[in-house]
PDB file of N, CA and C in Angstrom:
ATOM      1  N   MET A   1       0.931  -0.979  -0.049  1.00  0.00           N
ATOM      2  CA  MET A   1      -0.144  -0.033   0.066  1.00  0.00           C
ATOM      3  C   MET A   1       0.681   1.286  -0.134  1.00  0.00           C
ATOM      4  N   THR A   2       0.311   2.060  -0.951  1.00  0.00           N
ATOM      5  CA  THR A   2       1.582   3.566  -0.883  1.00  0.00           C
ATOM      6  C   THR A   2       0.901   4.177  -0.057  1.00  0.00           C
ATOM      7  N   PRO A   3       1.917   4.981   0.458  1.00  0.00           N
ATOM      8  CA  PRO A   3       1.665   6.231   1.856  1.00  0.00           C
ATOM      9  C   PRO A   3       0.533   6.893   1.617  1.00  0.00           C
ATOM     10  N   VAL A   4       0.321   7.346  -0.212  1.00  0.00           N
ATOM     11  CA  VAL A   4      -0.798   8.223  -0.024  1.00  0.00           C
ATOM     12  C   VAL A   4      -2.107   7.424   0.390  1.00  0.00           C
ATOM     13  N   VAL A   5      -2.228   6.055   0.220  1.00  0.00           N
ATOM     14  CA  VAL A   5      -3.704   5.544   0.288  1.00  0.00           C
ATOM     15  C   VAL A   5      -3.576   5.233   1.719  1.00  0.00           C
ATOM     16  N   LYS A   6      -2.413   5.099   2.538  1.00  0.00           N
ATOM     17  CA  LYS A   6      -2.313   4.820   3.912  1.00  0.00           C
ATOM     18  C   LYS A   6      -2.943   6.466   4.516  1.00  0.00           C
ATOM     19  N   GLU A   7      -2.437   7.192   4.002  1.00  0.00           N
ATOM     20  CA  GLU A   7      -2.999   8.174   4.813  1.00  0.00           C
ATOM     21  C   GLU A   7      -4.401   8.884   4.338  1.00  0.00           C
ATOM     22  N   PHE A   8      -4.878   8.217   3.188  1.00  0.00           N
ATOM     23  CA  PHE A   8      -6.380   8.485   2.800  1.00  0.00           C
ATOM     24  C   PHE A   8      -7.183   7.612   4.073  1.00  0.00           C
ATOM     25  N   LEU A   9      -6.508   6.349   4.333  1.00  0.00           N
ATOM     26  CA  LEU A   9      -7.463   5.227   5.306  1.00  0.00           C
ATOM     27  C   LEU A   9      -7.439   5.698   6.520  1.00  0.00           C
ATOM     28  N   SER A  10      -6.353   6.432   6.672  1.00  0.00           N
ATOM     29  CA  SER A  10      -6.204   6.742   8.041  1.00  0.00           C
ATOM     30  C   SER A  10      -7.669   8.136   8.681  1.00  0.00           C
ATOM     31  N   SER A  11      -7.343   8.909   7.462  1.00  0.00           N
ATOM     32  CA  SER A  11      -8.275   9.964   7.547  1.00  0.00           C
ATOM     33  C   SER A  11      -9.826   9.796   7.237  1.00  0.00           C
ATOM     34  N   PHE A  12      -9.630   8.504   6.781  1.00  0.00           N
ATOM     35  CA  PHE A  12     -11.250   7.720   6.388  1.00  0.00           C
ATOM     36  C   PHE A  12     -11.554   7.605   8.118  1.00  0.00           C
ATOM     37  N   ASP A  13     -10.496   6.941   8.593  1.00  0.00           N
ATOM     38  CA  ASP A  13     -11.122   6.437   9.991  1.00  0.00           C
ATOM     39  C   ASP A  13     -11.512   7.193  10.843  1.00  0.00           C
ATOM     40  N   ARG A  14     -10.881   8.247  10.663  1.00  0.00           N
ATOM     41  CA  ARG A  14     -11.037   9.193  11.820  1.00  0.00           C
ATOM     42  C   ARG A  14     -12.268  10.430  11.638  1.00  0.00           C
ATOM     43  N   LEU A  15     -13.367   9.812  10.241  1.00  0.00           N
ATOM     44  CA  LEU A  15     -14.494  10.841  10.273  1.00  0.00           C
ATOM     45  C   LEU A  15     -15.411  10.243  10.821  1.00  0.00           C
ATOM     46  N   PRO A  16     -16.626  10.744  11.061  1.00  0.00           N
ATOM     47  CA  PRO A  16     -17.659  10.289  11.838  1.00  0.00           C
ATOM     48  C   PRO A  16     -17.813   9.438  11.019  1.00  0.00           C
ATOM     49  N   ASP A  17     -19.078   8.475  11.142  1.00  0.00           N
ATOM     50  CA  ASP A  17     -19.637   7.494  10.745  1.00  0.00           C
ATOM     51  C   ASP A  17     -20.375   8.132   9.591  1.00  0.00           C
ATOM     52  N   SER A  18     -21.649   8.873   9.686  1.00  0.00           N
ATOM     53  CA  SER A  18     -22.318   9.962   8.351  1.00  0.00           C
ATOM     54  C   SER A  18     -21.333   9.835   7.058  1.00  0.00           C
ATOM     55  N   GLU A  19     -20.293  10.528   7.353  1.00  0.00           N
ATOM     56  CA  GLU A  19     -18.855  10.510   6.678  1.00  0.00           C
ATOM     57  C   GLU A  19     -18.425   9.877   5.578  1.00  0.00           C
ATOM     58  N   GLU A  20     -18.152   8.510   6.528  1.00  0.00           N
ATOM     59  CA  GLU A  20     -17.579   7.494   6.233  1.00  0.00           C
ATOM     60  C   GLU A  20     -18.548   6.939   4.899  1.00  0.00           C
ATOM     61  N   LEU A  21     -19.481   6.755   5.720  1.00  0.00           N
ATOM     62  CA  LEU A  21     -20.777   6.278   4.691  1.00  0.00           C
ATOM     63  C   LEU A  21     -21.046   6.993   3.359  1.00  0.00           C
ATOM     64  N   GLU A  22     -21.038   8.567   3.557  1.00  0.00           N
ATOM     65  CA  GLU A  22     -21.050   9.554   2.082  1.00  0.00           C
ATOM     66  C   GLU A  22     -20.007   9.168   1.511  1.00  0.00           C
ATOM     67  N   ILE A  23     -18.284   9.218   1.656  1.00  0.00           N
ATOM     68  CA  ILE A  23     -17.606   8.608   1.321  1.00  0.00           C
ATOM     69  C   ILE A  23     -17.497   7.308   0.406  1.00  0.00           C
ATOM     70  N   ALA A  24     -17.677   6.428   1.322  1.00  0.00           N
ATOM     71  CA  ALA A  24     -18.037   4.645   0.761  1.00  0.00           C
ATOM     72  C   ALA A  24     -19.205   4.736  -0.664  1.00  0.00           C
ATOM     73  N   LEU A  25     -19.758   5.612  -0.397  1.00  0.00           N
ATOM     74  CA  LEU A  25     -21.128   5.611  -1.179  1.00  0.00           C
ATOM     75  C   LEU A  25     -20.203   6.220  -2.387  1.00  0.00           C
ATOM     76  N   GLU A  26     -19.748   7.189  -2.531  1.00  0.00           N
ATOM     77  CA  GLU A  26     -18.907   7.795  -3.378  1.00  0.00           C
ATOM     78  C   GLU A  26     -17.951   7.109  -4.051  1.00  0.00           C
ATOM     79  N   ILE A  27     -17.231   6.779  -3.407  1.00  0.00           N
ATOM     80  CA  ILE A  27     -16.100   5.741  -3.981  1.00  0.00           C
ATOM     81  C   ILE A  27     -16.708   4.482  -4.849  1.00  0.00           C
ATOM     82  N   LEU A  28     -18.000   3.550  -4.076  1.00  0.00           N
ATOM     83  CA  LEU A  28     -18.442   2.982  -4.886  1.00  0.00           C
ATOM     84  C   LEU A  28     -19.244   3.231  -6.133  1.00  0.00           C
ATOM     85  N   LYS A  29     -19.781   4.186  -6.274  1.00  0.00           N
ATOM     86  CA  LYS A  29     -20.135   4.880  -7.270  1.00  0.00           C
ATOM     87  C   LYS A  29     -19.080   4.902  -8.730  1.00  0.00           C
ATOM     88  N   ARG A  30     -17.808   5.055  -7.989  1.00  0.00           N
ATOM     89  CA  ARG A  30     -17.116   5.602  -8.894  1.00  0.00           C
ATOM     90  C   ARG A  30     -16.257   4.359  -9.496  1.00  0.00           C
ATOM     91  N   VAL A  31     -16.972   3.558  -8.770  1.00  0.00           N
ATOM     92  CA  VAL A  31     -15.714   2.278  -9.267  1.00  0.00           C
ATOM     93  C   VAL A  31     -16.817   0.967  -9.615  1.00  0.00           C
ATOM     94  N   ILE A  32     -17.950   0.808  -9.845  1.00  0.00           N
ATOM     95  CA  ILE A  32     -18.680   0.359 -10.071  1.00  0.00           C
ATOM     96  C   ILE A  32     -18.379  -0.229 -11.576  1.00  0.00           C
ATOM     97  N   HIS A  33     -18.038   0.425 -12.555  1.00  0.00           N
ATOM     98  CA  HIS A  33     -17.863   0.512 -13.796  1.00  0.00           C
ATOM     99  C   HIS A  33     -16.542   0.209 -14.462  1.00  0.00           C
ATOM    100  N   VAL A  34     -15.450   0.073 -13.119  1.00  0.00           N
ATOM    101  CA  VAL A  34     -14.450  -0.742 -13.381  1.00  0.00           C
ATOM    102  C   VAL A  34     -14.208  -1.486 -14.158  1.00  0.00           C
ATOM    103  N   ASP A  35     -13.718  -1.863 -14.839  1.00  0.00           N
ATOM    104  CA  ASP A  35     -13.104  -3.530 -15.590  1.00  0.00           C
ATOM    105  C   ASP A  35     -12.140  -4.363 -14.742  1.00  0.00           C
ATOM    106  N   PHE A  36     -12.737  -5.024 -13.631  1.00  0.00           N
ATOM    107  CA  PHE A  36     -11.222  -5.900 -12.664  1.00  0.00           C
ATOM    108  C   PHE A  36     -11.282  -6.692 -13.556  1.00  0.00           C
ATOM    109  N   PRO A  37      -9.687  -7.216 -13.402  1.00  0.00           N
ATOM    110  CA  PRO A  37      -9.477  -8.834 -13.436  1.00  0.00           C
ATOM    111  C   PRO A  37     -10.353  -9.701 -12.836  1.00  0.00           C
ATOM    112  N   PRO A  38     -10.498 -10.942 -12.894  1.00  0.00           N
ATOM    113  CA  PRO A  38     -10.924 -11.903 -12.043  1.00  0.00           C
ATOM    114  C   PRO A  38      -9.734 -12.290 -11.412  1.00  0.00           C
ATOM    115  N   LEU A  39      -9.980 -12.257 -10.051  1.00  0.00           N
ATOM    116  CA  LEU A  39      -9.516 -12.964  -8.616  1.00  0.00           C
ATOM    117  C   LEU A  39      -8.889 -14.380  -8.972  1.00  0.00           C
ATOM    118  N   SER A  40      -7.487 -14.547  -8.719  1.00  0.00           N
ATOM    119  CA  SER A  40      -7.017 -16.373  -9.003  1.00  0.00           C
ATOM    120  C   SER A  40      -7.814 -17.203  -8.115  1.00  0.00           C
ATOM    121  N   ASP A  41      -7.466 -18.089  -8.176  1.00  0.00           N
ATOM    122  CA  ASP A  41      -8.416 -19.096  -6.938  1.00  0.00           C
ATOM    123  C   ASP A  41      -7.200 -18.852  -5.576  1.00  0.00           C
ATOM    124  N   GLU A  42      -5.964 -18.373  -5.523  1.00  0.00           N
ATOM    125  CA  GLU A  42      -5.326 -17.947  -4.399  1.00  0.00           C
ATOM    126  C   GLU A  42      -6.181 -16.764  -4.026  1.00  0.00           C
ATOM    127  N   ASP A  43      -6.170 -15.604  -4.712  1.00  0.00           N
ATOM    128  CA  ASP A  43      -6.811 -14.757  -4.270  1.00  0.00           C
ATOM    129  C   ASP A  43      -7.722 -14.668  -3.335  1.00  0.00           C
ATOM    130  N   LEU A  44      -8.634 -15.200  -3.739  1.00  0.00           N
ATOM    131  CA  LEU A  44      -9.939 -15.539  -3.325  1.00  0.00           C
ATOM    132  C   LEU A  44      -9.713 -16.228  -1.987  1.00  0.00           C
ATOM    133  N   VAL A  45      -8.989 -17.484  -1.942  1.00  0.00           N
ATOM    134  CA  VAL A  45      -8.700 -18.086  -0.728  1.00  0.00           C
ATOM    135  C   VAL A  45      -7.926 -17.151   0.288  1.00  0.00           C
ATOM    136  N   LEU A  46      -7.128 -16.454   0.169  1.00  0.00           N
ATOM    137  CA  LEU A  46      -6.374 -15.353   0.816  1.00  0.00           C
ATOM    138  C   LEU A  46      -7.651 -14.332   1.235  1.00  0.00           C
ATOM    139  N   ASN A  47      -7.926 -13.990   0.878  1.00  0.00           N
ATOM    140  CA  ASN A  47      -9.235 -13.040   0.800  1.00  0.00           C
ATOM    141  C   ASN A  47     -10.254 -13.766   2.086  1.00  0.00           C
ATOM    142  N   ALA A  48     -11.019 -15.285   1.846  1.00  0.00           N
ATOM    143  CA  ALA A  48     -11.576 -15.663   2.484  1.00  0.00           C
ATOM    144  C   ALA A  48     -11.014 -15.706   4.182  1.00  0.00           C
ATOM    145  N   GLU A  49      -9.788 -15.878   3.930  1.00  0.00           N
ATOM    146  CA  GLU A  49      -9.111 -16.937   5.038  1.00  0.00           C
ATOM    147  C   GLU A  49      -9.101 -15.234   6.131  1.00  0.00           C
ATOM    148  N   ALA A  50      -8.449 -14.281   5.580  1.00  0.00           N
ATOM    149  CA  ALA A  50      -8.653 -12.653   6.096  1.00  0.00           C
ATOM    150  C   ALA A  50      -9.845 -12.676   6.641  1.00  0.00           C
ATOM    151  N   ILE A  51     -11.057 -12.675   5.940  1.00  0.00           N
ATOM    152  CA  ILE A  51     -12.449 -12.508   6.165  1.00  0.00           C
ATOM    153  C   ILE A  51     -12.898 -13.290   7.738  1.00  0.00           C
ATOM    154  N   PHE A  52     -12.314 -14.532   7.474  1.00  0.00           N
ATOM    155  CA  PHE A  52     -12.627 -15.321   8.580  1.00  0.00           C
ATOM    156  C   PHE A  52     -11.874 -15.038   9.954  1.00  0.00           C
ATOM    157  N   LEU A  53     -10.909 -14.713   9.794  1.00  0.00           N
ATOM    158  CA  LEU A  53      -9.563 -14.631  10.565  1.00  0.00           C
ATOM    159  C   LEU A  53     -10.681 -13.206  11.603  1.00  0.00           C
ATOM    160  N   GLU A  54     -10.624 -12.179  10.775  1.00  0.00           N
ATOM    161  CA  GLU A  54     -11.310 -10.921  11.471  1.00  0.00           C
ATOM    162  C   GLU A  54     -12.990 -11.407  11.983  1.00  0.00           C
ATOM    163  N   LEU A  55     -13.524 -12.062  11.353  1.00  0.00           N
ATOM    164  CA  LEU A  55     -14.844 -12.515  11.811  1.00  0.00           C
ATOM    165  C   LEU A  55     -14.714 -13.397  13.517  1.00  0.00           C
ATOM    166  N   ASP A  56     -13.393 -14.416  13.382  1.00  0.00           N
ATOM    167  CA  ASP A  56     -13.345 -15.019  14.735  1.00  0.00           C
ATOM    168  C   ASP A  56     -12.854 -13.917  15.927  1.00  0.00           C
ATOM    169  N   LYS A  57     -12.012 -12.571  15.237  1.00  0.00           N
ATOM    170  CA  LYS A  57     -11.380 -11.671  16.238  1.00  0.00           C
ATOM    171  C   LYS A  57     -12.578 -11.179  17.108  1.00  0.00           C
ATOM    172  N   GLN A  58     -13.493 -10.929  16.095  1.00  0.00           N
ATOM    173  CA  GLN A  58     -14.626 -10.261  16.248  1.00  0.00           C
ATOM    174  C   GLN A  58     -15.732 -10.852  17.250  1.00  0.00           C
ATOM    175  N   GLU A  59     -15.778 -12.230  16.872  1.00  0.00           N
ATOM    176  CA  GLU A  59     -16.436 -13.259  17.682  1.00  0.00           C
ATOM    177  C   GLU A  59     -16.090 -13.003  19.004  1.00  0.00           C
ATOM    178  N   ALA A  60     -14.447 -12.978  19.186  1.00  0.00           N
ATOM    179  CA  ALA A  60     -13.956 -13.415  20.784  1.00  0.00           C
ATOM    180  C   ALA A  60     -14.132 -12.313  21.392  1.00  0.00           C
ATOM    181  N   ALA A  61     -14.235 -10.711  21.087  1.00  0.00           N
ATOM    182  CA  ALA A  61     -13.980  -9.775  21.079  1.00  0.00           C
ATOM    183  C   ALA A  61     -15.370  -9.776  22.224  1.00  0.00           C
ATOM    184  N   HIS A  62     -16.366  -9.852  21.403  1.00  0.00           N
ATOM    185  CA  HIS A  62     -17.608 -10.122  21.504  1.00  0.00           C
ATOM    186  C   HIS A  62     -18.032 -10.577  22.870  1.00  0.00           C
ATOM    187  N   LYS A  63     -17.417 -12.114  22.764  1.00  0.00           N
ATOM    188  CA  LYS A  63     -17.611 -12.996  24.171  1.00  0.00           C
ATOM    189  C   LYS A  63     -16.875 -12.248  25.239  1.00  0.00           C
ATOM    190  N   ASP A  64     -15.982 -11.768  24.817  1.00  0.00           N
ATOM    191  CA  ASP A  64     -15.273 -11.290  26.354  1.00  0.00           C
ATOM    192  C   ASP A  64     -15.934  -9.875  26.730  1.00  0.00           C
ATOM    193  N   SER A  65     -16.508  -9.385  26.299  1.00  0.00           N
ATOM    194  CA  SER A  65     -17.136  -8.106  26.616  1.00  0.00           C
ATOM    195  C   SER A  65     -18.889  -8.592  27.321  1.00  0.00           C
TER     196      SER A  65
END
């Protein structure tokens, strides 16, 4: 990830929820027509693993609270 992208995401994370939603919607409107190349099986597996690890982390945090 480039420094510019990291700074953008850091700024995004500091926004109130309503502004995060507004930006997210604008980004989605802009990328909906982008022709992304298909993901490889390896990419799909890595992304699925990251999602499940995050869900496990959230579930564990929820049980501890």
